[in-house]
N, C-alpha and C. Protein backbone atom coordinates (compact mmCIF):
# COMPACT_ATOMS: atom_id res chain seq x y z
N PHE A 1 68.50 85.53 133.45
CA PHE A 1 69.92 85.55 133.74
C PHE A 1 70.61 86.56 132.83
N LEU A 2 71.60 87.24 133.38
CA LEU A 2 72.35 88.21 132.59
C LEU A 2 73.82 87.83 132.58
N ILE A 3 74.48 88.16 131.49
CA ILE A 3 75.90 87.86 131.35
C ILE A 3 76.66 89.17 131.29
N LEU A 4 77.76 89.25 132.02
CA LEU A 4 78.64 90.41 131.91
C LEU A 4 79.72 90.06 130.89
N LEU A 5 79.76 90.79 129.81
CA LEU A 5 80.76 90.54 128.77
C LEU A 5 81.99 91.36 129.10
N SER A 6 83.10 90.67 129.31
CA SER A 6 84.30 91.33 129.79
C SER A 6 84.85 92.40 128.86
N ALA A 7 84.73 92.23 127.55
CA ALA A 7 85.34 93.18 126.62
C ALA A 7 84.57 94.49 126.53
N SER A 8 83.27 94.46 126.78
CA SER A 8 82.49 95.67 126.55
C SER A 8 81.81 96.20 127.81
N PHE A 9 81.75 95.43 128.85
CA PHE A 9 81.13 95.80 130.10
C PHE A 9 79.65 96.16 129.94
N HIS A 10 78.99 95.51 128.99
CA HIS A 10 77.55 95.67 128.81
C HIS A 10 76.86 94.40 129.30
N LEU A 11 75.63 94.55 129.70
CA LEU A 11 74.85 93.39 130.09
C LEU A 11 73.98 92.96 128.93
N PHE A 12 74.01 91.67 128.62
CA PHE A 12 73.19 91.10 127.56
C PHE A 12 72.47 89.89 128.11
N ALA A 13 71.19 89.77 127.80
CA ALA A 13 70.46 88.57 128.19
C ALA A 13 70.86 87.41 127.30
N ASN A 14 71.12 87.68 126.02
CA ASN A 14 71.53 86.62 125.10
C ASN A 14 72.43 87.23 124.03
N PRO A 15 73.73 86.91 124.06
CA PRO A 15 74.65 87.52 123.09
C PRO A 15 74.34 87.14 121.64
N ILE A 16 73.68 86.03 121.42
CA ILE A 16 73.33 85.63 120.05
C ILE A 16 72.39 86.65 119.42
N ASP A 17 71.44 87.14 120.20
CA ASP A 17 70.40 88.01 119.66
C ASP A 17 70.61 89.49 119.95
N GLU A 18 71.38 89.84 120.96
CA GLU A 18 71.43 91.24 121.38
C GLU A 18 72.70 92.00 121.02
N ILE A 19 73.73 91.31 120.59
CA ILE A 19 74.94 91.99 120.13
C ILE A 19 74.77 92.22 118.63
N PRO A 20 74.99 93.43 118.15
CA PRO A 20 74.89 93.67 116.70
C PRO A 20 75.89 92.78 115.94
N TYR A 21 75.51 92.31 114.78
CA TYR A 21 76.40 91.43 114.03
C TYR A 21 77.56 92.17 113.38
N LYS A 22 77.39 93.48 113.13
CA LYS A 22 78.52 94.23 112.59
C LYS A 22 78.49 95.66 113.08
N GLU A 23 79.67 96.27 113.01
CA GLU A 23 79.86 97.65 113.47
C GLU A 23 79.70 98.64 112.32
N ASN A 24 80.26 98.28 111.17
CA ASN A 24 80.19 99.12 109.98
C ASN A 24 80.37 98.21 108.77
N ASN A 25 80.62 98.78 107.60
CA ASN A 25 80.72 97.95 106.39
C ASN A 25 81.86 96.95 106.42
N ASP A 26 82.93 97.23 107.15
CA ASP A 26 84.12 96.37 107.13
C ASP A 26 84.36 95.61 108.43
N THR A 27 83.68 95.94 109.49
CA THR A 27 83.98 95.36 110.80
C THR A 27 82.77 94.61 111.36
N TYR A 28 83.02 93.36 111.72
CA TYR A 28 81.98 92.49 112.28
C TYR A 28 82.29 92.19 113.74
N ASN A 29 81.27 91.85 114.51
CA ASN A 29 81.45 91.43 115.89
C ASN A 29 81.57 89.91 115.95
N PHE A 30 82.39 89.47 116.87
CA PHE A 30 82.72 88.06 117.03
C PHE A 30 82.65 87.77 118.53
N PHE A 31 81.78 86.85 118.94
CA PHE A 31 81.67 86.45 120.34
C PHE A 31 82.54 85.22 120.54
N ILE A 32 83.52 85.33 121.43
CA ILE A 32 84.48 84.25 121.64
C ILE A 32 83.95 83.27 122.69
N GLU A 33 83.79 82.02 122.24
CA GLU A 33 83.38 80.93 123.13
C GLU A 33 84.59 80.10 123.57
N VAL A 34 85.54 79.92 122.66
CA VAL A 34 86.72 79.09 122.93
C VAL A 34 87.97 79.89 122.58
N PRO A 35 88.80 80.26 123.57
CA PRO A 35 90.03 80.99 123.28
C PRO A 35 91.05 80.12 122.53
N ALA A 36 91.87 80.74 121.71
CA ALA A 36 92.95 80.03 121.02
C ALA A 36 93.83 79.33 122.05
N GLY A 37 94.31 78.14 121.70
CA GLY A 37 95.22 77.41 122.57
C GLY A 37 94.55 76.62 123.67
N THR A 38 93.22 76.56 123.67
CA THR A 38 92.50 75.77 124.67
C THR A 38 91.74 74.64 123.97
N ASN A 39 91.30 73.65 124.74
CA ASN A 39 90.54 72.55 124.13
C ASN A 39 89.23 72.23 124.83
N GLN A 40 88.79 73.09 125.74
CA GLN A 40 87.47 72.92 126.35
C GLN A 40 86.43 73.52 125.41
N LYS A 41 85.40 72.74 125.07
CA LYS A 41 84.37 73.18 124.13
C LYS A 41 83.25 73.87 124.89
N TRP A 42 83.21 75.18 124.80
CA TRP A 42 82.17 75.99 125.41
C TRP A 42 81.24 76.49 124.32
N GLU A 43 79.98 76.72 124.68
CA GLU A 43 79.00 77.19 123.71
C GLU A 43 77.90 77.97 124.43
N VAL A 44 77.41 79.03 123.77
CA VAL A 44 76.29 79.79 124.33
C VAL A 44 75.02 78.96 124.16
N ASN A 45 74.30 78.79 125.26
CA ASN A 45 73.01 78.10 125.24
C ASN A 45 72.02 79.00 124.51
N LYS A 46 71.45 78.51 123.40
CA LYS A 46 70.55 79.33 122.58
C LYS A 46 69.30 79.78 123.35
N SER A 47 68.84 78.97 124.27
CA SER A 47 67.58 79.31 124.94
C SER A 47 67.74 80.33 126.07
N ASN A 48 68.88 80.28 126.79
CA ASN A 48 69.01 81.22 127.92
C ASN A 48 70.17 82.21 127.77
N GLY A 49 71.02 82.05 126.74
CA GLY A 49 72.09 83.00 126.49
C GLY A 49 73.31 82.85 127.38
N ILE A 50 73.38 81.79 128.17
CA ILE A 50 74.51 81.59 129.08
C ILE A 50 75.60 80.77 128.40
N LEU A 51 76.84 81.23 128.53
CA LEU A 51 77.97 80.49 128.00
C LEU A 51 78.25 79.33 128.94
N GLU A 52 78.17 78.12 128.40
CA GLU A 52 78.29 76.91 129.21
C GLU A 52 79.34 75.97 128.63
N TRP A 53 79.98 75.21 129.51
CA TRP A 53 80.89 74.17 129.07
C TRP A 53 80.03 73.05 128.54
N GLU A 54 80.13 72.81 127.23
CA GLU A 54 79.29 71.82 126.56
C GLU A 54 79.49 70.43 127.16
N GLU A 55 78.41 69.68 127.25
CA GLU A 55 78.49 68.31 127.76
C GLU A 55 78.10 67.33 126.68
N LYS A 56 78.77 66.18 126.69
CA LYS A 56 78.46 65.09 125.77
C LYS A 56 78.46 63.81 126.58
N LYS A 57 77.33 63.11 126.58
CA LYS A 57 77.17 61.88 127.35
C LYS A 57 77.47 62.11 128.83
N GLY A 58 77.02 63.27 129.35
CA GLY A 58 77.16 63.59 130.76
C GLY A 58 78.54 64.05 131.20
N LYS A 59 79.46 64.23 130.26
CA LYS A 59 80.81 64.67 130.60
C LYS A 59 81.11 65.99 129.92
N LYS A 60 81.89 66.83 130.61
CA LYS A 60 82.33 68.10 130.03
C LYS A 60 83.14 67.79 128.77
N ARG A 61 82.84 68.49 127.69
CA ARG A 61 83.47 68.18 126.41
C ARG A 61 84.85 68.82 126.30
N ILE A 62 85.83 67.97 126.04
CA ILE A 62 87.19 68.40 125.78
C ILE A 62 87.57 67.83 124.41
N ILE A 63 88.07 68.68 123.55
CA ILE A 63 88.48 68.24 122.22
C ILE A 63 89.72 67.37 122.38
N SER A 64 89.64 66.13 121.95
CA SER A 64 90.76 65.18 122.08
C SER A 64 91.68 65.29 120.88
N PHE A 65 92.20 66.46 120.70
CA PHE A 65 93.09 66.73 119.60
C PHE A 65 93.93 67.94 120.01
N LEU A 66 94.62 68.53 119.10
CA LEU A 66 95.38 69.74 119.39
C LEU A 66 94.42 70.85 119.84
N PRO A 67 94.88 71.79 120.64
CA PRO A 67 94.01 72.91 121.04
C PRO A 67 93.57 73.73 119.82
N TYR A 68 92.52 74.51 120.00
CA TYR A 68 92.01 75.36 118.92
C TYR A 68 93.13 76.26 118.40
N PRO A 69 93.29 76.34 117.07
CA PRO A 69 94.37 77.14 116.49
C PRO A 69 94.08 78.63 116.40
N GLY A 70 92.92 79.05 116.80
CA GLY A 70 92.52 80.46 116.82
C GLY A 70 91.36 80.62 117.78
N ASN A 71 91.01 81.85 118.09
CA ASN A 71 89.81 82.08 118.90
C ASN A 71 88.62 81.63 118.09
N TYR A 72 87.66 80.97 118.75
CA TYR A 72 86.54 80.37 118.03
C TYR A 72 85.23 80.78 118.68
N GLY A 73 84.24 81.03 117.87
CA GLY A 73 82.93 81.40 118.40
C GLY A 73 81.96 81.64 117.27
N PHE A 74 81.20 82.74 117.36
CA PHE A 74 80.15 82.98 116.38
C PHE A 74 79.97 84.47 116.10
N ILE A 75 79.32 84.74 114.99
CA ILE A 75 78.92 86.10 114.65
C ILE A 75 77.48 86.25 115.14
N PRO A 76 77.23 87.18 116.07
CA PRO A 76 75.87 87.36 116.59
C PRO A 76 74.88 87.74 115.48
N GLN A 77 73.63 87.55 115.78
CA GLN A 77 72.52 87.90 114.89
C GLN A 77 72.66 87.26 113.52
N THR A 78 73.15 86.01 113.51
CA THR A 78 73.20 85.23 112.29
C THR A 78 72.59 83.86 112.56
N LEU A 79 72.15 83.22 111.51
CA LEU A 79 71.58 81.88 111.60
C LEU A 79 72.12 81.08 110.43
N ALA A 80 72.92 80.06 110.72
CA ALA A 80 73.54 79.23 109.68
C ALA A 80 72.65 78.03 109.40
N GLY A 81 73.09 77.20 108.45
CA GLY A 81 72.32 76.02 108.05
C GLY A 81 72.10 75.01 109.15
N ASP A 82 72.97 75.00 110.16
CA ASP A 82 72.82 74.05 111.27
C ASP A 82 71.95 74.61 112.40
N SER A 83 71.26 75.72 112.14
CA SER A 83 70.38 76.39 113.11
C SER A 83 71.13 77.05 114.26
N ASP A 84 72.42 77.18 114.14
CA ASP A 84 73.24 77.90 115.11
C ASP A 84 73.72 79.19 114.46
N ALA A 85 74.27 80.08 115.26
CA ALA A 85 74.91 81.28 114.71
C ALA A 85 76.11 80.84 113.88
N LEU A 86 76.51 81.68 112.93
CA LEU A 86 77.58 81.37 111.99
C LEU A 86 78.93 81.29 112.72
N ASP A 87 79.64 80.18 112.51
CA ASP A 87 80.94 79.93 113.15
C ASP A 87 82.01 80.83 112.58
N ILE A 88 82.95 81.21 113.46
CA ILE A 88 84.07 82.06 113.04
C ILE A 88 85.30 81.69 113.85
N ILE A 89 86.46 81.77 113.21
CA ILE A 89 87.75 81.55 113.88
C ILE A 89 88.67 82.67 113.41
N ASP A 90 89.54 83.13 114.29
CA ASP A 90 90.46 84.20 113.88
C ASP A 90 91.90 83.70 113.85
N LEU A 91 92.77 84.52 113.32
CA LEU A 91 94.20 84.20 113.20
C LEU A 91 95.02 85.02 114.18
N ASP A 92 94.48 85.26 115.36
CA ASP A 92 95.12 86.14 116.34
C ASP A 92 95.50 85.39 117.61
N GLU A 93 96.16 86.13 118.51
CA GLU A 93 96.51 85.59 119.82
C GLU A 93 95.24 85.34 120.63
N SER A 94 95.38 84.53 121.63
CA SER A 94 94.26 84.16 122.48
C SER A 94 93.59 85.37 123.14
N GLN A 95 92.27 85.36 123.14
CA GLN A 95 91.46 86.39 123.79
C GLN A 95 90.58 85.71 124.83
N ALA A 96 90.02 86.47 125.73
CA ALA A 96 89.21 85.91 126.82
C ALA A 96 87.91 85.29 126.30
N ARG A 97 87.59 84.15 126.88
CA ARG A 97 86.27 83.53 126.63
C ARG A 97 85.21 84.52 127.11
N ASN A 98 84.07 84.55 126.42
CA ASN A 98 82.94 85.39 126.83
C ASN A 98 83.21 86.87 126.53
N SER A 99 84.04 87.13 125.52
CA SER A 99 84.31 88.52 125.15
C SER A 99 83.90 88.75 123.69
N ILE A 100 83.78 90.02 123.35
CA ILE A 100 83.41 90.42 121.99
C ILE A 100 84.63 91.04 121.35
N LYS A 101 84.88 90.65 120.11
CA LYS A 101 86.02 91.16 119.38
C LYS A 101 85.54 91.70 118.04
N LYS A 102 86.08 92.82 117.63
CA LYS A 102 85.78 93.39 116.33
C LYS A 102 86.79 92.84 115.33
N VAL A 103 86.30 92.31 114.21
CA VAL A 103 87.18 91.64 113.25
C VAL A 103 86.90 92.07 111.81
N LYS A 104 87.92 91.85 110.99
CA LYS A 104 87.81 92.01 109.54
C LYS A 104 87.73 90.61 108.94
N ILE A 105 86.77 90.41 108.08
CA ILE A 105 86.57 89.11 107.44
C ILE A 105 87.58 88.94 106.31
N LEU A 106 88.21 87.76 106.25
CA LEU A 106 89.17 87.44 105.19
C LEU A 106 88.60 86.46 104.18
N GLY A 107 87.78 85.53 104.65
CA GLY A 107 87.26 84.47 103.79
C GLY A 107 86.71 83.36 104.67
N GLY A 108 86.84 82.13 104.19
CA GLY A 108 86.33 81.03 105.00
C GLY A 108 86.64 79.67 104.40
N LEU A 109 86.17 78.66 105.11
CA LEU A 109 86.28 77.27 104.68
C LEU A 109 84.88 76.75 104.39
N TYR A 110 84.70 76.15 103.24
CA TYR A 110 83.44 75.52 102.87
C TYR A 110 83.59 74.05 103.22
N LEU A 111 82.98 73.64 104.33
CA LEU A 111 83.09 72.29 104.86
C LEU A 111 81.72 71.63 104.95
N GLU A 112 81.72 70.30 105.06
CA GLU A 112 80.53 69.54 105.42
C GLU A 112 80.87 68.75 106.68
N ASP A 113 79.93 68.73 107.61
CA ASP A 113 80.05 67.94 108.84
C ASP A 113 78.84 67.03 108.87
N ASP A 114 79.07 65.73 108.83
CA ASP A 114 77.97 64.76 108.74
C ASP A 114 77.05 65.08 107.58
N LYS A 115 77.63 65.43 106.46
CA LYS A 115 76.93 65.71 105.20
C LYS A 115 76.04 66.95 105.24
N GLU A 116 76.28 67.83 106.23
CA GLU A 116 75.58 69.11 106.29
C GLU A 116 76.59 70.24 106.14
N LEU A 117 76.20 71.30 105.42
CA LEU A 117 77.06 72.46 105.23
C LEU A 117 77.49 73.02 106.58
N ASP A 118 78.78 73.28 106.73
CA ASP A 118 79.33 73.79 107.99
C ASP A 118 80.44 74.79 107.66
N LEU A 119 80.05 76.02 107.32
CA LEU A 119 81.02 77.06 106.98
C LEU A 119 81.78 77.52 108.21
N LYS A 120 83.04 77.82 108.02
CA LYS A 120 83.87 78.42 109.06
C LYS A 120 84.43 79.71 108.49
N ILE A 121 83.99 80.83 109.02
CA ILE A 121 84.47 82.13 108.58
C ILE A 121 85.84 82.36 109.22
N ILE A 122 86.78 82.92 108.46
CA ILE A 122 88.12 83.22 108.97
C ILE A 122 88.30 84.73 108.99
N ALA A 123 88.79 85.25 110.12
CA ALA A 123 88.89 86.70 110.30
C ALA A 123 90.18 87.06 111.04
N ILE A 124 90.43 88.37 111.13
CA ILE A 124 91.55 88.88 111.92
C ILE A 124 91.09 90.13 112.68
N GLY A 125 91.75 90.38 113.81
CA GLY A 125 91.51 91.60 114.58
C GLY A 125 92.41 92.72 114.09
N GLU A 126 92.20 93.90 114.64
CA GLU A 126 92.94 95.07 114.17
C GLU A 126 94.43 95.02 114.47
N LYS A 127 94.87 94.20 115.42
CA LYS A 127 96.29 94.12 115.76
C LYS A 127 96.94 92.83 115.27
N SER A 128 96.31 92.17 114.32
CA SER A 128 96.81 90.90 113.81
C SER A 128 98.12 91.07 113.06
N VAL A 129 98.98 90.05 113.11
CA VAL A 129 100.20 90.04 112.31
C VAL A 129 99.88 89.90 110.82
N PHE A 130 98.64 89.59 110.49
CA PHE A 130 98.20 89.43 109.10
C PHE A 130 97.45 90.65 108.59
N ASN A 131 97.55 91.77 109.29
CA ASN A 131 96.77 92.97 108.94
C ASN A 131 97.04 93.51 107.53
N GLN A 132 98.20 93.22 106.97
CA GLN A 132 98.49 93.73 105.63
C GLN A 132 97.70 92.99 104.55
N TYR A 133 97.04 91.89 104.92
CA TYR A 133 96.27 91.11 103.95
C TYR A 133 94.79 91.46 104.07
N ASP A 134 94.13 91.49 102.93
CA ASP A 134 92.72 91.87 102.90
C ASP A 134 91.80 90.72 102.52
N ASP A 135 92.39 89.60 102.07
CA ASP A 135 91.59 88.48 101.57
C ASP A 135 92.33 87.18 101.88
N LEU A 136 91.58 86.14 102.12
CA LEU A 136 92.15 84.83 102.42
C LEU A 136 93.09 84.36 101.31
N LEU A 137 92.74 84.66 100.07
CA LEU A 137 93.57 84.21 98.95
C LEU A 137 94.95 84.86 98.99
N GLN A 138 95.05 86.09 99.47
CA GLN A 138 96.36 86.74 99.62
C GLN A 138 97.22 86.01 100.65
N ILE A 139 96.61 85.60 101.75
CA ILE A 139 97.36 84.87 102.78
C ILE A 139 97.76 83.49 102.25
N LEU A 140 96.86 82.85 101.49
CA LEU A 140 97.20 81.55 100.92
C LEU A 140 98.44 81.63 100.02
N LEU A 141 98.61 82.74 99.33
CA LEU A 141 99.78 82.91 98.47
C LEU A 141 101.03 83.27 99.28
N ALA A 142 100.89 84.14 100.27
CA ALA A 142 102.04 84.63 101.02
C ALA A 142 102.44 83.71 102.18
N LYS A 143 101.46 83.18 102.89
CA LYS A 143 101.70 82.36 104.09
C LYS A 143 100.75 81.15 104.07
N PRO A 144 100.90 80.26 103.10
CA PRO A 144 99.92 79.19 102.91
C PRO A 144 99.69 78.29 104.13
N MET A 145 100.72 78.05 104.92
CA MET A 145 100.55 77.12 106.05
C MET A 145 99.66 77.70 107.15
N ALA A 146 99.54 79.01 107.24
CA ALA A 146 98.66 79.61 108.26
C ALA A 146 97.23 79.13 108.04
N ILE A 147 96.78 79.15 106.80
CA ILE A 147 95.41 78.73 106.49
C ILE A 147 95.31 77.21 106.44
N GLU A 148 96.35 76.55 105.93
CA GLU A 148 96.35 75.09 105.91
C GLU A 148 96.24 74.52 107.32
N ASN A 149 96.90 75.16 108.29
CA ASN A 149 96.80 74.69 109.68
C ASN A 149 95.36 74.75 110.19
N ILE A 150 94.67 75.84 109.89
CA ILE A 150 93.26 75.96 110.30
C ILE A 150 92.43 74.88 109.62
N LYS A 151 92.59 74.74 108.30
CA LYS A 151 91.83 73.74 107.54
C LYS A 151 92.09 72.34 108.09
N ASN A 152 93.37 71.99 108.26
CA ASN A 152 93.70 70.65 108.74
C ASN A 152 93.21 70.39 110.15
N TRP A 153 93.18 71.43 110.98
CA TRP A 153 92.64 71.25 112.33
C TRP A 153 91.17 70.83 112.25
N PHE A 154 90.38 71.54 111.45
CA PHE A 154 88.96 71.19 111.34
C PHE A 154 88.76 69.81 110.71
N LEU A 155 89.61 69.41 109.80
CA LEU A 155 89.47 68.10 109.17
C LEU A 155 89.85 66.95 110.09
N ASN A 156 90.59 67.24 111.16
CA ASN A 156 91.12 66.16 111.99
C ASN A 156 90.67 66.14 113.44
N TYR A 157 89.95 67.16 113.92
CA TYR A 157 89.65 67.18 115.35
C TYR A 157 88.51 66.22 115.72
N LYS A 158 87.76 65.76 114.74
CA LYS A 158 86.74 64.73 114.96
C LYS A 158 87.22 63.43 114.32
N LYS A 159 86.35 62.45 114.24
CA LYS A 159 86.72 61.18 113.59
C LYS A 159 87.12 61.42 112.14
N PRO A 160 88.11 60.67 111.64
CA PRO A 160 88.53 60.83 110.25
C PRO A 160 87.34 60.66 109.28
N GLY A 161 87.28 61.56 108.31
CA GLY A 161 86.23 61.49 107.29
C GLY A 161 84.91 62.13 107.67
N LYS A 162 84.74 62.51 108.93
CA LYS A 162 83.48 63.11 109.37
C LYS A 162 83.29 64.50 108.78
N ILE A 163 84.39 65.26 108.68
CA ILE A 163 84.34 66.60 108.09
C ILE A 163 85.06 66.55 106.75
N VAL A 164 84.42 67.14 105.74
CA VAL A 164 84.97 67.14 104.39
C VAL A 164 85.18 68.59 103.95
N PHE A 165 86.36 68.87 103.41
CA PHE A 165 86.68 70.18 102.87
C PHE A 165 86.36 70.21 101.38
N PHE A 166 85.65 71.26 100.94
CA PHE A 166 85.35 71.42 99.52
C PHE A 166 86.17 72.52 98.87
N ARG A 167 86.25 73.69 99.55
CA ARG A 167 87.01 74.77 98.94
C ARG A 167 87.13 75.92 99.93
N TYR A 168 87.98 76.88 99.55
CA TYR A 168 88.10 78.12 100.31
C TYR A 168 87.06 79.12 99.80
N LEU A 169 86.64 80.00 100.68
CA LEU A 169 85.78 81.11 100.31
C LEU A 169 86.63 82.37 100.30
N ASN A 170 86.50 83.20 99.27
CA ASN A 170 87.19 84.47 99.30
C ASN A 170 86.41 85.44 100.20
N LYS A 171 86.95 86.61 100.37
CA LYS A 171 86.36 87.60 101.28
C LYS A 171 84.90 87.91 100.93
N GLN A 172 84.64 88.20 99.66
CA GLN A 172 83.28 88.58 99.27
C GLN A 172 82.29 87.44 99.45
N GLU A 173 82.70 86.22 99.14
CA GLU A 173 81.82 85.06 99.36
C GLU A 173 81.48 84.91 100.84
N ALA A 174 82.49 85.06 101.70
CA ALA A 174 82.26 84.94 103.14
C ALA A 174 81.32 86.03 103.64
N ILE A 175 81.53 87.27 103.17
CA ILE A 175 80.65 88.37 103.58
C ILE A 175 79.23 88.11 103.09
N ASN A 176 79.08 87.58 101.89
CA ASN A 176 77.74 87.25 101.38
C ASN A 176 77.06 86.22 102.28
N TYR A 177 77.81 85.21 102.71
CA TYR A 177 77.24 84.20 103.62
C TYR A 177 76.82 84.84 104.95
N ILE A 178 77.65 85.75 105.46
CA ILE A 178 77.31 86.42 106.72
C ILE A 178 76.03 87.23 106.55
N GLU A 179 75.96 88.01 105.50
CA GLU A 179 74.77 88.85 105.27
C GLU A 179 73.52 87.99 105.09
N ASN A 180 73.63 86.88 104.37
CA ASN A 180 72.48 85.97 104.22
C ASN A 180 72.11 85.32 105.54
N ALA A 181 73.11 84.97 106.35
CA ALA A 181 72.84 84.39 107.66
C ALA A 181 72.16 85.41 108.58
N HIS A 182 72.52 86.69 108.43
CA HIS A 182 71.85 87.73 109.20
C HIS A 182 70.39 87.86 108.76
N LEU A 183 70.13 87.82 107.47
CA LEU A 183 68.75 87.86 106.97
C LEU A 183 67.94 86.67 107.47
N GLN A 184 68.57 85.49 107.54
CA GLN A 184 67.89 84.31 108.09
C GLN A 184 67.53 84.54 109.55
N TRP A 185 68.46 85.13 110.30
CA TRP A 185 68.20 85.43 111.71
C TRP A 185 67.05 86.44 111.84
N GLU A 186 67.07 87.49 111.00
CA GLU A 186 66.00 88.51 111.04
C GLU A 186 64.65 87.89 110.71
N SER A 187 64.57 87.01 109.75
CA SER A 187 63.29 86.40 109.36
C SER A 187 62.75 85.47 110.43
N ARG A 188 63.64 84.92 111.27
CA ARG A 188 63.22 84.06 112.37
C ARG A 188 62.63 84.87 113.51
N ASN A 189 63.08 86.10 113.66
CA ASN A 189 62.64 86.94 114.81
C ASN A 189 61.41 87.75 114.51
């Protein structure tokens, strides 16, 4: 099966493995599974590369909370601790599901989900209203509620206490996690 990616008009058998994880030293690729402002949980099937509406107990999964506060998906060619590609959310307007976006990494959230590490990388696109900021810590000082909203969304969209926040990651820490996740992906292939 092949997928047509709307943003690039290229055919990929599996976006997890075939889209480069970054463009250059400062720009990473981000595959959007869930557009900002929506609550349907979509995910790329790791075995066949098809973007599918996730099912739980035989029902299409809808997040029973506020819609996603940013575009959500993964960085291709990475492997995180949960055996999935590394999660990423942006601070931009809604983009199309099943598209690729070039982003600048700002930092991230160091979370645990069911007592397992679950990092969430935070990024922005080139036309973001936050473009003047280069690091998550700068946004935390200038516009703290922008990042607090993202953090609080992740802490509350599942059952209370299921996700635990430990700390913010600065830009360099987040990039280090991405690069290590890429090395994990390379060693698996």
